[in-house]
Each structure stands twice: as structure tokens, then as C-alpha cells.
PDB file of all heavy atoms in Angstrom:
ATOM      1  N   CYS A   1     -23.614 -21.937 -21.003  1.00  0.00           N
ATOM      2  CA  CYS A   1     -22.467 -21.879 -21.915  1.00  0.00           C
ATOM      3  C   CYS A   1     -22.720 -22.499 -23.286  1.00  0.00           C
ATOM      4  O   CYS A   1     -21.864 -22.376 -24.175  1.00  0.00           O
ATOM      5  CB  CYS A   1     -21.276 -22.586 -21.277  1.00  0.00           C
ATOM      6  SG  CYS A   1     -20.744 -21.902 -19.699  1.00  0.00           S
ATOM      7  N   GLN A   2     -23.870 -23.139 -23.475  1.00  0.00           N
ATOM      8  CA  GLN A   2     -24.055 -23.933 -24.683  1.00  0.00           C
ATOM      9  C   GLN A   2     -23.952 -23.119 -25.970  1.00  0.00           C
ATOM     10  O   GLN A   2     -23.245 -23.505 -26.923  1.00  0.00           O
ATOM     11  CB  GLN A   2     -25.407 -24.650 -24.632  1.00  0.00           C
ATOM     12  CG  GLN A   2     -25.605 -25.725 -25.684  1.00  0.00           C
ATOM     13  CD  GLN A   2     -24.705 -26.918 -25.466  1.00  0.00           C
ATOM     14  OE1 GLN A   2     -23.564 -26.947 -25.912  1.00  0.00           O
ATOM     15  NE2 GLN A   2     -25.232 -27.915 -24.743  1.00  0.00           N
ATOM     16  N   LYS A   3     -24.619 -21.973 -26.024  1.00  0.00           N
ATOM     17  CA  LYS A   3     -24.626 -21.169 -27.248  1.00  0.00           C
ATOM     18  C   LYS A   3     -23.222 -20.727 -27.618  1.00  0.00           C
ATOM     19  O   LYS A   3     -22.796 -20.877 -28.774  1.00  0.00           O
ATOM     20  CB  LYS A   3     -25.543 -19.963 -27.071  1.00  0.00           C
ATOM     21  CG  LYS A   3     -25.647 -19.096 -28.321  1.00  0.00           C
ATOM     22  CD  LYS A   3     -26.608 -17.930 -28.108  1.00  0.00           C
ATOM     23  CE  LYS A   3     -26.691 -17.055 -29.349  1.00  0.00           C
ATOM     24  NZ  LYS A   3     -27.615 -15.890 -29.147  1.00  0.00           N
ATOM     25  N   GLN A   4     -22.484 -20.215 -26.656  1.00  0.00           N
ATOM     26  CA  GLN A   4     -21.131 -19.748 -26.915  1.00  0.00           C
ATOM     27  C   GLN A   4     -20.203 -20.906 -27.260  1.00  0.00           C
ATOM     28  O   GLN A   4     -19.321 -20.785 -28.119  1.00  0.00           O
ATOM     29  CB  GLN A   4     -20.587 -18.992 -25.697  1.00  0.00           C
ATOM     30  CG  GLN A   4     -19.262 -18.274 -25.936  1.00  0.00           C
ATOM     31  CD  GLN A   4     -19.381 -17.180 -26.981  1.00  0.00           C
ATOM     32  OE1 GLN A   4     -20.326 -16.376 -26.934  1.00  0.00           O
ATOM     33  NE2 GLN A   4     -18.455 -17.150 -27.926  1.00  0.00           N
ATOM     34  N   PHE A   5     -20.429 -22.045 -26.618  1.00  0.00           N
ATOM     35  CA  PHE A   5     -19.604 -23.227 -26.868  1.00  0.00           C
ATOM     36  C   PHE A   5     -19.774 -23.702 -28.311  1.00  0.00           C
ATOM     37  O   PHE A   5     -18.794 -24.016 -28.993  1.00  0.00           O
ATOM     38  CB  PHE A   5     -19.999 -24.343 -25.891  1.00  0.00           C
ATOM     39  CG  PHE A   5     -19.058 -25.502 -25.874  1.00  0.00           C
ATOM     40  CD1 PHE A   5     -17.940 -25.497 -25.056  1.00  0.00           C
ATOM     41  CD2 PHE A   5     -19.278 -26.622 -26.675  1.00  0.00           C
ATOM     42  CE1 PHE A   5     -17.054 -26.581 -25.028  1.00  0.00           C
ATOM     43  CE2 PHE A   5     -18.409 -27.704 -26.664  1.00  0.00           C
ATOM     44  CZ  PHE A   5     -17.294 -27.680 -25.833  1.00  0.00           C
ATOM     45  N   ILE A   6     -21.008 -23.712 -28.793  1.00  0.00           N
ATOM     46  CA  ILE A   6     -21.278 -24.125 -30.170  1.00  0.00           C
ATOM     47  C   ILE A   6     -20.659 -23.141 -31.154  1.00  0.00           C
ATOM     48  O   ILE A   6     -20.061 -23.541 -32.167  1.00  0.00           O
ATOM     49  CB  ILE A   6     -22.795 -24.258 -30.407  1.00  0.00           C
ATOM     50  CG1 ILE A   6     -23.375 -25.400 -29.572  1.00  0.00           C
ATOM     51  CG2 ILE A   6     -23.091 -24.494 -31.887  1.00  0.00           C
ATOM     52  CD1 ILE A   6     -24.878 -25.496 -29.622  1.00  0.00           C
ATOM     53  N   GLU A   7     -20.784 -21.853 -30.881  1.00  0.00           N
ATOM     54  CA  GLU A   7     -20.204 -20.846 -31.763  1.00  0.00           C
ATOM     55  C   GLU A   7     -18.684 -20.962 -31.830  1.00  0.00           C
ATOM     56  O   GLU A   7     -18.078 -20.779 -32.889  1.00  0.00           O
ATOM     57  CB  GLU A   7     -20.600 -19.445 -31.285  1.00  0.00           C
ATOM     58  CG  GLU A   7     -22.075 -19.116 -31.473  1.00  0.00           C
ATOM     59  CD  GLU A   7     -22.428 -17.744 -30.933  1.00  0.00           C
ATOM     60  OE1 GLU A   7     -21.522 -17.065 -30.382  1.00  0.00           O
ATOM     61  OE2 GLU A   7     -23.595 -17.320 -31.065  1.00  0.00           O
ATOM     62  N   ASN A   8     -18.080 -21.288 -30.706  1.00  0.00           N
ATOM     63  CA  ASN A   8     -16.617 -21.368 -30.651  1.00  0.00           C
ATOM     64  C   ASN A   8     -16.063 -22.650 -31.265  1.00  0.00           C
ATOM     65  O   ASN A   8     -14.993 -22.643 -31.882  1.00  0.00           O
ATOM     66  CB  ASN A   8     -16.133 -21.265 -29.202  1.00  0.00           C
ATOM     67  CG  ASN A   8     -16.339 -19.885 -28.615  1.00  0.00           C
ATOM     68  OD1 ASN A   8     -16.594 -18.919 -29.339  1.00  0.00           O
ATOM     69  ND2 ASN A   8     -16.250 -19.779 -27.298  1.00  0.00           N
ATOM     70  N   HIS A   9     -16.815 -23.766 -31.090  1.00  0.00           N
ATOM     71  CA  HIS A   9     -16.237 -25.063 -31.429  1.00  0.00           C
ATOM     72  C   HIS A   9     -17.029 -25.870 -32.450  1.00  0.00           C
ATOM     73  O   HIS A   9     -16.536 -26.883 -32.949  1.00  0.00           O
ATOM     74  CB  HIS A   9     -16.067 -25.898 -30.153  1.00  0.00           C
ATOM     75  CG  HIS A   9     -15.289 -25.196 -29.081  1.00  0.00           C
ATOM     76  ND1 HIS A   9     -13.941 -24.924 -29.203  1.00  0.00           N
ATOM     77  CD2 HIS A   9     -15.670 -24.698 -27.870  1.00  0.00           C
ATOM     78  CE1 HIS A   9     -13.520 -24.296 -28.108  1.00  0.00           C
ATOM     79  NE2 HIS A   9     -14.550 -24.149 -27.289  1.00  0.00           N
ATOM     80  N   GLY A  10     -18.256 -25.469 -32.740  1.00  0.00           N
ATOM     81  CA  GLY A  10     -19.041 -26.193 -33.731  1.00  0.00           C
ATOM     82  C   GLY A  10     -19.645 -27.484 -33.239  1.00  0.00           C
ATOM     83  O   GLY A  10     -20.192 -28.263 -34.023  1.00  0.00           O
ATOM     84  N   VAL A  11     -19.566 -27.774 -31.948  1.00  0.00           N
ATOM     85  CA  VAL A  11     -20.179 -28.961 -31.354  1.00  0.00           C
ATOM     86  C   VAL A  11     -20.857 -28.562 -30.052  1.00  0.00           C
ATOM     87  O   VAL A  11     -20.539 -27.523 -29.460  1.00  0.00           O
ATOM     88  CB  VAL A  11     -19.142 -30.075 -31.073  1.00  0.00           C
ATOM     89  CG1 VAL A  11     -18.579 -30.620 -32.362  1.00  0.00           C
ATOM     90  CG2 VAL A  11     -18.027 -29.557 -30.172  1.00  0.00           C
ATOM     91  N   LYS A  12     -21.789 -29.407 -29.601  1.00  0.00           N
ATOM     92  CA  LYS A  12     -22.465 -29.146 -28.334  1.00  0.00           C
ATOM     93  C   LYS A  12     -21.625 -29.633 -27.161  1.00  0.00           C
ATOM     94  O   LYS A  12     -20.834 -30.571 -27.297  1.00  0.00           O
ATOM     95  CB  LYS A  12     -23.831 -29.841 -28.303  1.00  0.00           C
ATOM     96  CG  LYS A  12     -24.874 -29.208 -29.193  1.00  0.00           C
ATOM     97  CD  LYS A  12     -26.220 -29.895 -28.996  1.00  0.00           C
ATOM     98  CE  LYS A  12     -27.301 -29.215 -29.830  1.00  0.00           C
ATOM     99  NZ  LYS A  12     -28.624 -29.870 -29.613  1.00  0.00           N
ATOM    100  N   LEU A  13     -21.803 -28.997 -26.040  1.00  0.00           N
ATOM    101  CA  LEU A  13     -21.203 -29.469 -24.794  1.00  0.00           C
ATOM    102  C   LEU A  13     -22.125 -30.534 -24.217  1.00  0.00           C
ATOM    103  O   LEU A  13     -23.249 -30.244 -23.808  1.00  0.00           O
ATOM    104  CB  LEU A  13     -21.036 -28.313 -23.809  1.00  0.00           C
ATOM    105  CG  LEU A  13     -20.526 -28.681 -22.412  1.00  0.00           C
ATOM    106  CD1 LEU A  13     -19.121 -29.270 -22.489  1.00  0.00           C
ATOM    107  CD2 LEU A  13     -20.566 -27.471 -21.489  1.00  0.00           C
ATOM    108  N   GLY A  14     -21.678 -31.776 -24.199  1.00  0.00           N
ATOM    109  CA  GLY A  14     -22.509 -32.870 -23.710  1.00  0.00           C
ATOM    110  C   GLY A  14     -22.141 -33.291 -22.305  1.00  0.00           C
ATOM    111  O   GLY A  14     -21.143 -32.841 -21.736  1.00  0.00           O
ATOM    112  N   TYR A  15     -22.937 -34.181 -21.749  1.00  0.00           N
ATOM    113  CA  TYR A  15     -22.657 -34.694 -20.411  1.00  0.00           C
ATOM    114  C   TYR A  15     -21.411 -35.584 -20.404  1.00  0.00           C
ATOM    115  O   TYR A  15     -20.676 -35.631 -19.418  1.00  0.00           O
ATOM    116  CB  TYR A  15     -23.852 -35.487 -19.887  1.00  0.00           C
ATOM    117  CG  TYR A  15     -25.048 -34.636 -19.549  1.00  0.00           C
ATOM    118  CD1 TYR A  15     -26.237 -34.746 -20.259  1.00  0.00           C
ATOM    119  CD2 TYR A  15     -24.998 -33.712 -18.506  1.00  0.00           C
ATOM    120  CE1 TYR A  15     -27.330 -33.965 -19.961  1.00  0.00           C
ATOM    121  CE2 TYR A  15     -26.097 -32.924 -18.192  1.00  0.00           C
ATOM    122  CZ  TYR A  15     -27.262 -33.047 -18.932  1.00  0.00           C
ATOM    123  OH  TYR A  15     -28.339 -32.263 -18.628  1.00  0.00           O
ATOM    124  N   MET A  16     -21.170 -36.300 -21.522  1.00  0.00           N
ATOM    125  CA  MET A  16     -20.089 -37.270 -21.506  1.00  0.00           C
ATOM    126  C   MET A  16     -18.733 -36.619 -21.320  1.00  0.00           C
ATOM    127  O   MET A  16     -17.891 -37.124 -20.563  1.00  0.00           O
ATOM    128  CB  MET A  16     -20.106 -38.101 -22.799  1.00  0.00           C
ATOM    129  CG  MET A  16     -19.094 -39.232 -22.805  1.00  0.00           C
ATOM    130  SD  MET A  16     -19.299 -40.404 -21.428  1.00  0.00           S
ATOM    131  CE  MET A  16     -20.703 -41.349 -22.025  1.00  0.00           C
ATOM    132  N   SER A  17     -18.485 -35.475 -21.979  1.00  0.00           N
ATOM    133  CA  SER A  17     -17.181 -34.829 -21.806  1.00  0.00           C
ATOM    134  C   SER A  17     -16.990 -34.350 -20.373  1.00  0.00           C
ATOM    135  O   SER A  17     -15.875 -34.392 -19.829  1.00  0.00           O
ATOM    136  CB  SER A  17     -17.030 -33.656 -22.778  1.00  0.00           C
ATOM    137  OG  SER A  17     -17.972 -32.634 -22.506  1.00  0.00           O
ATOM    138  N   LEU A  18     -18.074 -33.922 -19.739  1.00  0.00           N
ATOM    139  CA  LEU A  18     -18.000 -33.498 -18.341  1.00  0.00           C
ATOM    140  C   LEU A  18     -17.675 -34.681 -17.431  1.00  0.00           C
ATOM    141  O   LEU A  18     -16.883 -34.560 -16.484  1.00  0.00           O
ATOM    142  CB  LEU A  18     -19.314 -32.843 -17.929  1.00  0.00           C
ATOM    143  CG  LEU A  18     -19.601 -31.489 -18.615  1.00  0.00           C
ATOM    144  CD1 LEU A  18     -21.079 -31.153 -18.519  1.00  0.00           C
ATOM    145  CD2 LEU A  18     -18.769 -30.371 -17.991  1.00  0.00           C
ATOM    146  N   PHE A  19     -18.251 -35.836 -17.724  1.00  0.00           N
ATOM    147  CA  PHE A  19     -17.964 -37.015 -16.907  1.00  0.00           C
ATOM    148  C   PHE A  19     -16.570 -37.572 -17.209  1.00  0.00           C
ATOM    149  O   PHE A  19     -15.932 -38.152 -16.324  1.00  0.00           O
ATOM    150  CB  PHE A  19     -19.038 -38.082 -17.114  1.00  0.00           C
ATOM    151  CG  PHE A  19     -20.207 -37.922 -16.184  1.00  0.00           C
ATOM    152  CD1 PHE A  19     -21.310 -37.177 -16.556  1.00  0.00           C
ATOM    153  CD2 PHE A  19     -20.187 -38.487 -14.918  1.00  0.00           C
ATOM    154  CE1 PHE A  19     -22.383 -37.008 -15.690  1.00  0.00           C
ATOM    155  CE2 PHE A  19     -21.256 -38.325 -14.041  1.00  0.00           C
ATOM    156  CZ  PHE A  19     -22.359 -37.577 -14.431  1.00  0.00           C
ATOM    157  N   VAL A  20     -16.106 -37.424 -18.444  1.00  0.00           N
ATOM    158  CA  VAL A  20     -14.726 -37.823 -18.746  1.00  0.00           C
ATOM    159  C   VAL A  20     -13.760 -37.004 -17.897  1.00  0.00           C
ATOM    160  O   VAL A  20     -12.822 -37.541 -17.290  1.00  0.00           O
ATOM    161  CB  VAL A  20     -14.413 -37.645 -20.248  1.00  0.00           C
ATOM    162  CG1 VAL A  20     -12.906 -37.770 -20.504  1.00  0.00           C
ATOM    163  CG2 VAL A  20     -15.165 -38.675 -21.083  1.00  0.00           C
ATOM    164  N   LYS A  21     -14.014 -35.702 -17.814  1.00  0.00           N
ATOM    165  CA  LYS A  21     -13.159 -34.843 -16.995  1.00  0.00           C
ATOM    166  C   LYS A  21     -13.291 -35.196 -15.511  1.00  0.00           C
ATOM    167  O   LYS A  21     -12.303 -35.155 -14.760  1.00  0.00           O
ATOM    168  CB  LYS A  21     -13.536 -33.374 -17.216  1.00  0.00           C
ATOM    169  CG  LYS A  21     -13.030 -32.794 -18.524  1.00  0.00           C
ATOM    170  CD  LYS A  21     -11.512 -32.684 -18.528  1.00  0.00           C
ATOM    171  CE  LYS A  21     -11.006 -31.929 -19.737  1.00  0.00           C
ATOM    172  NZ  LYS A  21      -9.522 -31.815 -19.747  1.00  0.00           N
ATOM    173  N   ALA A  22     -14.501 -35.537 -15.082  1.00  0.00           N
ATOM    174  CA  ALA A  22     -14.697 -35.941 -13.689  1.00  0.00           C
ATOM    175  C   ALA A  22     -13.922 -37.219 -13.381  1.00  0.00           C
ATOM    176  O   ALA A  22     -13.322 -37.365 -12.309  1.00  0.00           O
ATOM    177  CB  ALA A  22     -16.189 -36.137 -13.406  1.00  0.00           C
ATOM    178  N   VAL A  23     -13.926 -38.165 -14.332  1.00  0.00           N
ATOM    179  CA  VAL A  23     -13.188 -39.420 -14.156  1.00  0.00           C
ATOM    180  C   VAL A  23     -11.682 -39.154 -14.116  1.00  0.00           C
ATOM    181  O   VAL A  23     -10.955 -39.742 -13.308  1.00  0.00           O
ATOM    182  CB  VAL A  23     -13.551 -40.417 -15.280  1.00  0.00           C
ATOM    183  CG1 VAL A  23     -12.519 -41.536 -15.372  1.00  0.00           C
ATOM    184  CG2 VAL A  23     -14.932 -41.002 -15.046  1.00  0.00           C
ATOM    185  N   VAL A  24     -11.201 -38.271 -15.001  1.00  0.00           N
ATOM    186  CA  VAL A  24      -9.784 -37.920 -14.996  1.00  0.00           C
ATOM    187  C   VAL A  24      -9.383 -37.365 -13.633  1.00  0.00           C
ATOM    188  O   VAL A  24      -8.340 -37.732 -13.067  1.00  0.00           O
ATOM    189  CB  VAL A  24      -9.473 -36.908 -16.112  1.00  0.00           C
ATOM    190  CG1 VAL A  24      -8.073 -36.313 -15.933  1.00  0.00           C
ATOM    191  CG2 VAL A  24      -9.603 -37.560 -17.487  1.00  0.00           C
ATOM    192  N   HIS A  25     -10.223 -36.490 -13.082  1.00  0.00           N
ATOM    193  CA  HIS A  25      -9.981 -35.932 -11.749  1.00  0.00           C
ATOM    194  C   HIS A  25      -9.946 -37.034 -10.688  1.00  0.00           C
ATOM    195  O   HIS A  25      -9.056 -37.064  -9.821  1.00  0.00           O
ATOM    196  CB  HIS A  25     -11.076 -34.913 -11.419  1.00  0.00           C
ATOM    197  CG  HIS A  25     -11.148 -34.531  -9.978  1.00  0.00           C
ATOM    198  ND1 HIS A  25     -10.213 -33.720  -9.357  1.00  0.00           N
ATOM    199  CD2 HIS A  25     -12.061 -34.862  -9.011  1.00  0.00           C
ATOM    200  CE1 HIS A  25     -10.530 -33.569  -8.081  1.00  0.00           C
ATOM    201  NE2 HIS A  25     -11.649 -34.249  -7.849  1.00  0.00           N
ATOM    202  N   ALA A  26     -10.898 -37.964 -10.756  1.00  0.00           N
ATOM    203  CA  ALA A  26     -10.980 -39.039  -9.764  1.00  0.00           C
ATOM    204  C   ALA A  26      -9.806 -40.005  -9.890  1.00  0.00           C
ATOM    205  O   ALA A  26      -9.316 -40.531  -8.878  1.00  0.00           O
ATOM    206  CB  ALA A  26     -12.305 -39.776  -9.908  1.00  0.00           C
ATOM    207  N   LEU A  27      -9.332 -40.252 -11.118  1.00  0.00           N
ATOM    208  CA  LEU A  27      -8.196 -41.145 -11.309  1.00  0.00           C
ATOM    209  C   LEU A  27      -6.923 -40.544 -10.726  1.00  0.00           C
ATOM    210  O   LEU A  27      -6.043 -41.278 -10.247  1.00  0.00           O
ATOM    211  CB  LEU A  27      -7.998 -41.451 -12.801  1.00  0.00           C
ATOM    212  CG  LEU A  27      -9.062 -42.349 -13.464  1.00  0.00           C
ATOM    213  CD1 LEU A  27      -8.800 -42.466 -14.961  1.00  0.00           C
ATOM    214  CD2 LEU A  27      -9.103 -43.729 -12.826  1.00  0.00           C
ATOM    215  N   LYS A  28      -6.808 -39.233 -10.768  1.00  0.00           N
ATOM    216  CA  LYS A  28      -5.662 -38.580 -10.124  1.00  0.00           C
ATOM    217  C   LYS A  28      -5.767 -38.687  -8.610  1.00  0.00           C
ATOM    218  O   LYS A  28      -4.755 -38.797  -7.911  1.00  0.00           O
ATOM    219  CB  LYS A  28      -5.592 -37.116 -10.552  1.00  0.00           C
ATOM    220  CG  LYS A  28      -5.238 -36.914 -12.025  1.00  0.00           C
ATOM    221  CD  LYS A  28      -5.215 -35.434 -12.388  1.00  0.00           C
ATOM    222  CE  LYS A  28      -4.850 -35.240 -13.856  1.00  0.00           C
ATOM    223  NZ  LYS A  28      -4.861 -33.800 -14.237  1.00  0.00           N
ATOM    224  N   THR A  29      -7.004 -38.686  -8.111  1.00  0.00           N
ATOM    225  CA  THR A  29      -7.222 -38.810  -6.670  1.00  0.00           C
ATOM    226  C   THR A  29      -6.932 -40.223  -6.184  1.00  0.00           C
ATOM    227  O   THR A  29      -6.350 -40.427  -5.105  1.00  0.00           O
ATOM    228  CB  THR A  29      -8.680 -38.428  -6.326  1.00  0.00           C
ATOM    229  OG1 THR A  29      -8.964 -37.109  -6.826  1.00  0.00           O
ATOM    230  CG2 THR A  29      -8.919 -38.462  -4.829  1.00  0.00           C
ATOM    231  N   VAL A  30      -7.335 -41.211  -6.994  1.00  0.00           N
ATOM    232  CA  VAL A  30      -7.133 -42.627  -6.639  1.00  0.00           C
ATOM    233  C   VAL A  30      -6.433 -43.321  -7.814  1.00  0.00           C
ATOM    234  O   VAL A  30      -7.080 -43.980  -8.631  1.00  0.00           O
ATOM    235  CB  VAL A  30      -8.463 -43.324  -6.311  1.00  0.00           C
ATOM    236  CG1 VAL A  30      -8.211 -44.703  -5.714  1.00  0.00           C
ATOM    237  CG2 VAL A  30      -9.327 -42.493  -5.391  1.00  0.00           C
ATOM    238  N   PRO A  31      -5.111 -43.185  -7.943  1.00  0.00           N
ATOM    239  CA  PRO A  31      -4.375 -43.729  -9.091  1.00  0.00           C
ATOM    240  C   PRO A  31      -4.515 -45.239  -9.257  1.00  0.00           C
ATOM    241  O   PRO A  31      -4.370 -45.752 -10.376  1.00  0.00           O
ATOM    242  CB  PRO A  31      -2.918 -43.344  -8.788  1.00  0.00           C
ATOM    243  CG  PRO A  31      -3.009 -42.196  -7.839  1.00  0.00           C
ATOM    244  CD  PRO A  31      -4.235 -42.452  -7.016  1.00  0.00           C
ATOM    245  N   ASN A  32      -4.804 -45.955  -8.193  1.00  0.00           N
ATOM    246  CA  ASN A  32      -4.892 -47.417  -8.272  1.00  0.00           C
ATOM    247  C   ASN A  32      -6.047 -47.888  -9.142  1.00  0.00           C
ATOM    248  O   ASN A  32      -6.051 -49.044  -9.601  1.00  0.00           O
ATOM    249  CB  ASN A  32      -5.031 -48.007  -6.864  1.00  0.00           C
ATOM    250  CG  ASN A  32      -4.288 -49.326  -6.726  1.00  0.00           C
ATOM    251  OD1 ASN A  32      -3.279 -49.539  -7.377  1.00  0.00           O
ATOM    252  ND2 ASN A  32      -4.787 -50.206  -5.868  1.00  0.00           N
ATOM    253  N   VAL A  33      -7.021 -47.010  -9.375  1.00  0.00           N
ATOM    254  CA  VAL A  33      -8.140 -47.383 -10.238  1.00  0.00           C
ATOM    255  C   VAL A  33      -7.688 -47.387 -11.700  1.00  0.00           C
ATOM    256  O   VAL A  33      -8.260 -48.087 -12.538  1.00  0.00           O
ATOM    257  CB  VAL A  33      -9.331 -46.430 -10.035  1.00  0.00           C
ATOM    258  CG1 VAL A  33     -10.504 -46.799 -10.947  1.00  0.00           C
ATOM    259  CG2 VAL A  33      -9.794 -46.474  -8.573  1.00  0.00           C
ATOM    260  N   ASN A  34      -6.663 -46.600 -12.006  1.00  0.00           N
ATOM    261  CA  ASN A  34      -6.135 -46.530 -13.366  1.00  0.00           C
ATOM    262  C   ASN A  34      -5.013 -47.561 -13.519  1.00  0.00           C
ATOM    263  O   ASN A  34      -3.870 -47.232 -13.849  1.00  0.00           O
ATOM    264  CB  ASN A  34      -5.606 -45.122 -13.647  1.00  0.00           C
ATOM    265  CG  ASN A  34      -5.476 -44.840 -15.140  1.00  0.00           C
ATOM    266  OD1 ASN A  34      -6.356 -45.201 -15.917  1.00  0.00           O
ATOM    267  ND2 ASN A  34      -4.398 -44.204 -15.534  1.00  0.00           N
ATOM    268  N   ALA A  35      -5.341 -48.816 -13.273  1.00  0.00           N
ATOM    269  CA  ALA A  35      -4.335 -49.874 -13.256  1.00  0.00           C
ATOM    270  C   ALA A  35      -4.960 -51.184 -13.714  1.00  0.00           C
ATOM    271  O   ALA A  35      -6.180 -51.285 -13.890  1.00  0.00           O
ATOM    272  CB  ALA A  35      -3.755 -50.026 -11.846  1.00  0.00           C
ATOM    273  N   SER A  36      -4.100 -52.187 -13.921  1.00  0.00           N
ATOM    274  CA  SER A  36      -4.584 -53.513 -14.307  1.00  0.00           C
ATOM    275  C   SER A  36      -3.644 -54.568 -13.763  1.00  0.00           C
ATOM    276  O   SER A  36      -2.518 -54.279 -13.350  1.00  0.00           O
ATOM    277  CB  SER A  36      -4.672 -53.632 -15.842  1.00  0.00           C
ATOM    278  OG  SER A  36      -3.389 -53.530 -16.427  1.00  0.00           O
ATOM    279  N   ILE A  37      -4.120 -55.811 -13.758  1.00  0.00           N
ATOM    280  CA  ILE A  37      -3.327 -56.936 -13.279  1.00  0.00           C
ATOM    281  C   ILE A  37      -2.783 -57.715 -14.471  1.00  0.00           C
ATOM    282  O   ILE A  37      -3.511 -58.030 -15.413  1.00  0.00           O
ATOM    283  CB  ILE A  37      -4.175 -57.861 -12.388  1.00  0.00           C
ATOM    284  CG1 ILE A  37      -4.535 -57.155 -11.074  1.00  0.00           C
ATOM    285  CG2 ILE A  37      -3.438 -59.162 -12.097  1.00  0.00           C
ATOM    286  CD1 ILE A  37      -5.390 -57.996 -10.144  1.00  0.00           C
ATOM    287  N   ASP A  38      -1.507 -58.021 -14.425  1.00  0.00           N
ATOM    288  CA  ASP A  38      -0.864 -58.858 -15.437  1.00  0.00           C
ATOM    289  C   ASP A  38      -0.111 -59.962 -14.711  1.00  0.00           C
ATOM    290  O   ASP A  38       0.992 -59.757 -14.217  1.00  0.00           O
ATOM    291  CB  ASP A  38       0.084 -58.028 -16.295  1.00  0.00           C
ATOM    292  CG  ASP A  38       0.726 -58.852 -17.405  1.00  0.00           C
ATOM    293  OD1 ASP A  38       0.203 -59.950 -17.704  1.00  0.00           O
ATOM    294  OD2 ASP A  38       1.748 -58.412 -17.960  1.00  0.00           O
ATOM    295  N   GLY A  39      -0.730 -61.131 -14.627  1.00  0.00           N
ATOM    296  CA  GLY A  39      -0.138 -62.225 -13.863  1.00  0.00           C
ATOM    297  C   GLY A  39      -0.081 -61.874 -12.390  1.00  0.00           C
ATOM    298  O   GLY A  39      -1.117 -61.629 -11.762  1.00  0.00           O
ATOM    299  N   ASN A  40       1.112 -61.817 -11.832  1.00  0.00           N
ATOM    300  CA  ASN A  40       1.277 -61.434 -10.428  1.00  0.00           C
ATOM    301  C   ASN A  40       1.716 -59.980 -10.271  1.00  0.00           C
ATOM    302  O   ASN A  40       2.093 -59.558  -9.176  1.00  0.00           O
ATOM    303  CB  ASN A  40       2.310 -62.355  -9.756  1.00  0.00           C
ATOM    304  CG  ASN A  40       1.811 -63.783  -9.646  1.00  0.00           C
ATOM    305  OD1 ASN A  40       0.628 -64.018  -9.402  1.00  0.00           O
ATOM    306  ND2 ASN A  40       2.707 -64.745  -9.834  1.00  0.00           N
TER     307      ASN A  40
END
């Protein structure tokens, strides 16, 4: 997809955007990871 992706968007498809999407998917699977502690 790289050639078409560059023609369409002017940037390369990198690994980081794919892992960002993978993390978004995983956070929906385990919502508790997308959290923080504030006092108690």
C-alpha cells in the first residue's frame, strides 16, 4: 500500500501509526489500562 498511500496523503505509512491503532484496539479490550490513580 505504500505507493498509493503516499500519492493519496503525501506521507509514508510508518510502523508507529499501525502500533497506535493496535494500542487503541487493545485499550478498548482492556479499558483499565487507559486509566490513572489520583489519591485513592
